[in-house]
């Protein structure tokens, strides 16, 4: 049987990726400190790839040209085996293409390649989506890495904050039953600082649907820290499980859950990419360990 996991190494950093879902399952520094949530009982994932949707569709159905296709929250990629396209000591690429099963949920031809690359203290992740069909490809994609919260045992969750590169005065969006509420909410970000607490997630994710920043730092006054930067994404979700769990997700997205009142054809859903036949879209993000 082909090896279904790979650990890659950089200078002061290592990462483990599995073929199932092309999921990152470990991210450690040179001292062996684990930064990534280890899929405990509160949430059984580490860093799923969200494709071809982000969030939920109304009724968990994708509607296209008069037909309805079952589509669960965040799409099917996170639960599909990817093929290993390339592996070397510092990087790997995994690929998912449409097949008979995906077409029962998503009637479009595609190729999704996910590449992980390590550099000095930094992991780079690239999503490359190709339209291999003959009609426009409607798609969303998102990252969903979950980091330990706190990063340093013994610190309180409330010791941590997110510091955005720029001020974030715009209203945020919230969800109800996984669907996007119509009315924006006042932002909890003060200037460029989002103070973290469990109560922040009582109403599910904090969604910046028009962030000014393309990077954010997750840190306390001491101990390990993380800086994330992203390219090509439109939205940012920040999430932890309502009621409390020892992880924090920082999620660059291109796409968003369906508005609660949207029940139209999938190609008309707000926030989608529409990739022309034969074209591709490349999006990327980086995690730097500090």
Protein backbone atom coordinates (compact mmCIF):
# COMPACT_ATOMS: atom_id res chain seq x y z
CA UNK A 1 0.00 0.00 0.00
CA UNK A 2 1.24 3.47 -0.86
CA UNK A 3 2.31 5.50 2.13
CA UNK A 4 -0.60 7.79 2.99
CA UNK A 5 1.30 10.31 5.10
CA UNK A 6 4.46 12.31 4.67
CA UNK A 7 6.52 14.43 7.04
CA UNK A 8 8.47 17.22 5.38
CA UNK A 9 11.25 19.21 7.03
CA UNK A 10 12.55 22.75 6.74
CA UNK A 11 14.91 24.85 8.82
CA UNK A 12 13.33 24.93 12.25
CA UNK A 13 10.00 23.47 11.14
CA UNK A 14 8.36 20.18 10.17
CA UNK A 15 4.91 19.33 8.86
CA UNK A 16 2.97 16.10 8.38
CA UNK A 17 0.37 15.74 5.64
CA UNK A 18 -1.99 12.82 4.98
CA UNK A 19 -3.53 11.76 1.69
CA UNK A 20 -7.05 11.66 3.10
CA UNK A 21 -8.34 15.14 2.37
CA UNK A 22 -4.79 16.41 1.66
CA UNK A 23 -4.92 17.46 5.31
CA UNK A 24 -2.14 18.99 7.35
CA UNK A 25 -2.10 17.06 10.64
CA UNK A 26 1.03 18.33 12.41
CA UNK A 27 3.14 21.48 12.44
CA UNK A 28 6.12 21.58 14.79
CA UNK A 29 9.09 23.82 15.44
CA UNK A 30 12.70 22.71 15.98
CA UNK A 31 12.03 22.07 19.68
CA UNK A 32 9.14 19.76 18.86
CA UNK A 33 6.41 22.15 19.99
CA UNK A 34 3.15 21.20 18.29
CA UNK A 35 1.23 24.21 16.98
CA UNK A 36 -1.64 22.35 15.31
CA UNK A 37 -4.72 21.02 17.10
CA UNK A 38 -4.52 17.25 17.36
CA UNK A 39 -8.14 16.39 16.55
CA UNK A 40 -9.42 15.74 20.05
CA UNK A 41 -13.02 14.83 20.89
CA UNK A 42 -14.23 18.44 20.64
CA UNK A 43 -13.49 18.44 16.88
CA UNK A 44 -12.06 15.51 14.96
CA UNK A 45 -10.15 17.45 12.32
CA UNK A 46 -6.86 19.33 12.10
CA UNK A 47 -6.82 21.53 8.99
CA UNK A 48 -9.39 20.42 6.41
CA UNK A 49 -9.46 21.72 2.84
CA UNK A 50 -12.85 23.31 2.10
CA UNK A 51 -13.91 22.63 -1.51
CA UNK A 52 -16.01 23.10 -3.63
CA UNK A 53 -17.99 25.13 -1.09
CA UNK A 54 -17.22 27.04 2.08
CA UNK A 55 -19.89 26.77 4.76
CA UNK A 56 -23.34 25.35 4.09
CA UNK A 57 -25.84 25.48 1.26
CA UNK A 58 -29.49 25.88 2.09
CA UNK A 59 -30.97 22.45 2.70
CA UNK A 60 -27.52 20.97 2.10
CA UNK A 61 -28.36 20.90 -1.60
CA UNK A 62 -26.58 22.29 -4.64
CA UNK A 63 -29.11 23.39 -7.24
CA UNK A 64 -28.05 23.53 -10.87
CA UNK A 65 -30.14 23.59 -14.06
CA UNK A 66 -33.26 22.31 -12.34
CA UNK A 67 -31.58 19.47 -10.44
CA UNK A 68 -30.63 19.18 -6.76
CA UNK A 69 -27.39 17.52 -5.65
CA UNK A 70 -26.62 16.61 -2.02
CA UNK A 71 -23.70 18.67 -0.67
CA UNK A 72 -22.63 18.64 2.95
CA UNK A 73 -21.07 21.55 4.81
CA UNK A 74 -17.66 22.66 3.47
CA UNK A 75 -17.86 20.23 0.55
CA UNK A 76 -16.43 16.79 -0.09
CA UNK A 77 -12.69 17.38 -0.60
CA UNK A 78 -11.91 17.01 3.10
CA UNK A 79 -13.29 13.46 3.02
CA UNK A 80 -11.80 12.28 -0.28
CA UNK A 81 -8.47 10.51 -0.85
CA UNK A 82 -6.07 12.66 -2.84
CA UNK A 83 -3.37 11.23 -5.10
CA UNK A 84 0.25 12.01 -4.30
CA UNK A 85 1.60 13.89 -7.32
CA UNK A 86 5.01 14.90 -5.92
CA UNK A 87 7.02 14.35 -2.74
CA UNK A 88 10.42 15.54 -1.67
CA UNK A 89 12.05 16.36 1.68
CA UNK A 90 10.67 19.92 1.81
CA UNK A 91 7.42 19.80 -0.19
CA UNK A 92 4.59 17.69 -1.52
CA UNK A 93 1.66 18.04 -3.90
CA UNK A 94 -1.62 16.14 -3.70
CA UNK A 95 -4.32 16.11 -6.38
CA UNK A 96 -8.07 15.50 -6.49
CA UNK A 97 -10.01 15.26 -9.76
CA UNK A 98 -13.68 14.78 -10.50
CA UNK A 99 -15.01 11.25 -10.79
CA UNK A 100 -18.33 9.44 -10.80
CA UNK A 101 -18.76 9.99 -7.06
CA UNK A 102 -17.99 13.73 -7.04
CA UNK A 103 -20.36 14.27 -9.95
CA UNK A 104 -23.27 12.95 -7.88
CA UNK A 105 -22.68 15.97 -5.60
CA UNK A 106 -21.10 18.50 -7.95
CA UNK A 107 -21.75 18.17 -11.69
CA UNK A 108 -18.56 19.89 -12.83
CA UNK A 109 -15.13 18.82 -14.07
CA UNK A 110 -12.14 20.04 -12.04
CA UNK A 111 -8.62 19.38 -10.87
CA UNK A 112 -7.58 20.56 -7.39
CA UNK A 113 -3.88 20.47 -6.47
CA UNK A 114 -2.74 21.24 -2.93
CA UNK A 115 0.97 21.92 -2.39
CA UNK A 116 2.77 22.20 0.95
CA UNK A 117 6.26 23.72 1.02
CA UNK A 118 8.55 24.37 3.98
CA UNK A 119 11.03 27.19 4.18
CA UNK A 120 12.77 28.64 7.20
CA UNK A 121 10.20 28.59 10.05
CA UNK A 122 7.39 28.87 7.49
CA UNK A 123 4.87 26.59 5.83
CA UNK A 124 3.44 27.66 2.48
CA UNK A 125 0.19 26.16 1.19
CA UNK A 126 -1.04 26.60 -2.39
CA UNK A 127 -4.44 25.70 -3.83
CA UNK A 128 -4.47 25.36 -7.63
CA UNK A 129 -7.96 24.89 -9.10
CA UNK A 130 -8.25 24.04 -12.80
CA UNK A 131 -11.41 23.92 -14.88
CA UNK A 132 -11.06 20.78 -16.99
CA UNK A 133 -14.60 21.00 -18.33
CA UNK A 134 -16.41 22.86 -21.07
CA UNK A 135 -18.54 25.22 -18.97
CA UNK A 136 -17.59 27.81 -16.31
CA UNK A 137 -16.56 26.18 -13.03
CA UNK A 138 -18.37 27.66 -10.02
CA UNK A 139 -16.32 26.97 -6.91
CA UNK A 140 -15.24 28.17 -3.51
CA UNK A 141 -12.19 27.12 -1.53
CA UNK A 142 -11.02 27.72 1.98
CA UNK A 143 -8.34 26.86 4.50
CA UNK A 144 -9.35 25.72 7.99
CA UNK A 145 -6.19 25.29 10.11
CA UNK A 146 -6.85 24.80 13.81
CA UNK A 147 -4.12 25.94 16.21
CA UNK A 148 -3.72 25.03 19.82
CA UNK A 149 -5.33 27.60 22.13
CA UNK A 150 -3.39 28.36 24.23
CA UNK A 151 -0.15 27.74 22.34
CA UNK A 152 1.76 27.71 25.63
CA UNK A 153 0.30 25.43 28.31
CA UNK A 154 -0.49 27.34 31.47
CA UNK A 155 -1.55 30.54 29.75
CA UNK A 156 -5.21 31.52 29.70
CA UNK A 157 -7.12 31.67 26.43
CA UNK A 158 -7.86 35.31 27.19
CA UNK A 159 -4.12 36.05 27.17
CA UNK A 160 -4.24 35.71 23.37
CA UNK A 161 -5.27 38.15 20.68
CA UNK A 162 -5.25 38.48 16.93
CA UNK A 163 -3.35 41.50 15.62
CA UNK A 164 -4.27 42.37 12.05
CA UNK A 165 -1.91 44.18 9.71
CA UNK A 166 -4.47 46.96 9.25
CA UNK A 167 -7.43 48.37 11.14
CA UNK A 168 -10.62 46.35 10.59
CA UNK A 169 -13.54 48.73 11.11
CA UNK A 170 -16.01 47.02 8.74
CA UNK A 171 -18.99 45.13 10.18
CA UNK A 172 -18.71 41.36 10.44
CA UNK A 173 -21.10 38.60 9.40
CA UNK A 174 -22.56 35.85 11.54
CA UNK A 175 -24.26 32.51 10.92
CA UNK A 176 -27.44 30.85 12.08
CA UNK A 177 -27.81 27.13 11.49
CA UNK A 178 -24.74 27.39 9.28
CA UNK A 179 -26.28 29.96 6.92
CA UNK A 180 -25.30 33.61 6.55
CA UNK A 181 -27.50 36.08 8.38
CA UNK A 182 -28.63 39.01 6.27
CA UNK A 183 -27.81 41.82 8.69
CA UNK A 184 -24.14 42.61 9.40
CA UNK A 185 -23.02 42.91 13.02
CA UNK A 186 -20.69 45.48 14.61
CA UNK A 187 -17.12 44.26 14.55
CA UNK A 188 -15.52 43.05 17.78
CA UNK A 189 -12.14 44.15 16.37
CA UNK A 190 -10.87 47.24 18.18
CA UNK A 191 -8.62 49.05 15.73
CA UNK A 192 -6.52 46.12 14.53
CA UNK A 193 -6.86 43.98 17.69
CA UNK A 194 -9.31 41.14 18.23
CA UNK A 195 -9.27 40.07 21.88
CA UNK A 196 -9.91 36.32 22.10
CA UNK A 197 -12.32 34.64 24.49
CA UNK A 198 -14.61 31.64 24.39
CA UNK A 199 -17.71 33.89 24.46
CA UNK A 200 -16.62 35.39 21.14
CA UNK A 201 -17.84 32.20 19.44
CA UNK A 202 -21.24 31.88 21.14
CA UNK A 203 -22.77 32.77 17.76
CA UNK A 204 -20.42 30.57 15.76
CA UNK A 205 -17.67 32.00 13.54
CA UNK A 206 -16.57 35.61 13.34
CA UNK A 207 -16.59 36.34 9.59
CA UNK A 208 -14.73 39.25 8.04
CA UNK A 209 -16.31 39.32 4.59
CA UNK A 210 -14.24 42.30 3.42
CA UNK A 211 -11.04 42.31 5.47
CA UNK A 212 -8.61 45.16 4.93
CA UNK A 213 -5.69 42.98 6.03
CA UNK A 214 -3.95 40.09 4.30
CA UNK A 215 -2.05 38.98 7.40
CA UNK A 216 -2.67 38.45 11.10
CA UNK A 217 -0.57 37.54 14.14
CA UNK A 218 -1.88 35.12 16.78
CA UNK A 219 0.02 35.56 20.04
CA UNK A 220 0.09 36.22 23.78
CA UNK A 221 2.65 38.41 25.52
CA UNK A 222 4.94 35.41 25.83
CA UNK A 223 5.42 31.97 24.38
CA UNK A 224 5.14 30.71 20.80
CA UNK A 225 3.24 32.75 18.23
CA UNK A 226 1.99 32.43 14.67
CA UNK A 227 1.75 34.83 11.77
CA UNK A 228 -0.51 34.01 8.84
CA UNK A 229 -0.52 35.74 5.47
CA UNK A 230 -2.74 34.99 2.46
CA UNK A 231 -3.10 35.77 -1.24
CA UNK A 232 -6.18 35.49 -3.44
CA UNK A 233 -8.73 34.95 -0.69
CA UNK A 234 -11.67 37.32 -0.16
CA UNK A 235 -12.93 36.50 3.32
CA UNK A 236 -11.52 35.46 6.68
CA UNK A 237 -13.23 33.28 9.26
CA UNK A 238 -12.15 32.99 12.89
CA UNK A 239 -13.74 30.09 14.75
CA UNK A 240 -13.66 27.89 17.78
CA UNK A 241 -16.34 25.47 18.85
CA UNK A 242 -19.14 27.28 20.70
CA UNK A 243 -19.08 26.34 24.37
CA UNK A 244 -15.31 26.08 24.50
CA UNK A 245 -12.57 23.95 22.96
CA UNK A 246 -8.76 24.21 23.11
CA UNK A 247 -8.25 25.30 19.50
CA UNK A 248 -8.56 28.42 17.36
CA UNK A 249 -9.14 28.32 13.60
CA UNK A 250 -7.88 31.14 11.36
CA UNK A 251 -9.45 30.55 7.95
CA UNK A 252 -8.76 32.40 4.68
CA UNK A 253 -11.69 31.77 2.35
CA UNK A 254 -12.78 32.51 -1.19
CA UNK A 255 -16.46 31.92 -0.68
CA UNK A 256 -18.93 31.95 2.16
CA UNK A 257 -21.99 30.11 3.41
CA UNK A 258 -25.22 30.65 1.51
CA UNK A 259 -27.29 33.61 2.66
CA UNK A 260 -30.24 32.27 4.66
CA UNK A 261 -32.65 33.56 2.00
CA UNK A 262 -30.75 32.26 -1.05
CA UNK A 263 -32.18 29.21 -2.79
CA UNK A 264 -31.19 29.84 -6.41
CA UNK A 265 -28.96 28.12 -8.93
CA UNK A 266 -25.49 27.44 -7.55
CA UNK A 267 -23.79 29.51 -10.24
CA UNK A 268 -25.60 32.57 -8.87
CA UNK A 269 -24.52 32.01 -5.26
CA UNK A 270 -22.70 35.04 -3.81
CA UNK A 271 -18.94 34.76 -3.33
CA UNK A 272 -18.14 32.06 -5.90
CA UNK A 273 -15.25 31.96 -8.32
CA UNK A 274 -16.40 31.35 -11.90
CA UNK A 275 -13.38 29.83 -13.62
CA UNK A 276 -13.58 29.74 -17.44
CA UNK A 277 -13.01 26.45 -19.29
CA UNK A 278 -9.32 25.65 -19.50
CA UNK A 279 -8.40 28.28 -16.91
CA UNK A 280 -7.14 28.00 -13.35
CA UNK A 281 -7.11 29.96 -10.10
CA UNK A 282 -4.21 29.85 -7.66
CA UNK A 283 -4.60 30.92 -4.03
CA UNK A 284 -2.07 30.57 -1.24
CA UNK A 285 -1.34 31.19 2.42
CA UNK A 286 1.67 30.98 4.71
CA UNK A 287 2.04 30.09 8.38
CA UNK A 288 5.17 31.41 10.07
CA UNK A 289 6.15 30.01 13.46
CA UNK A 290 7.51 32.67 15.80
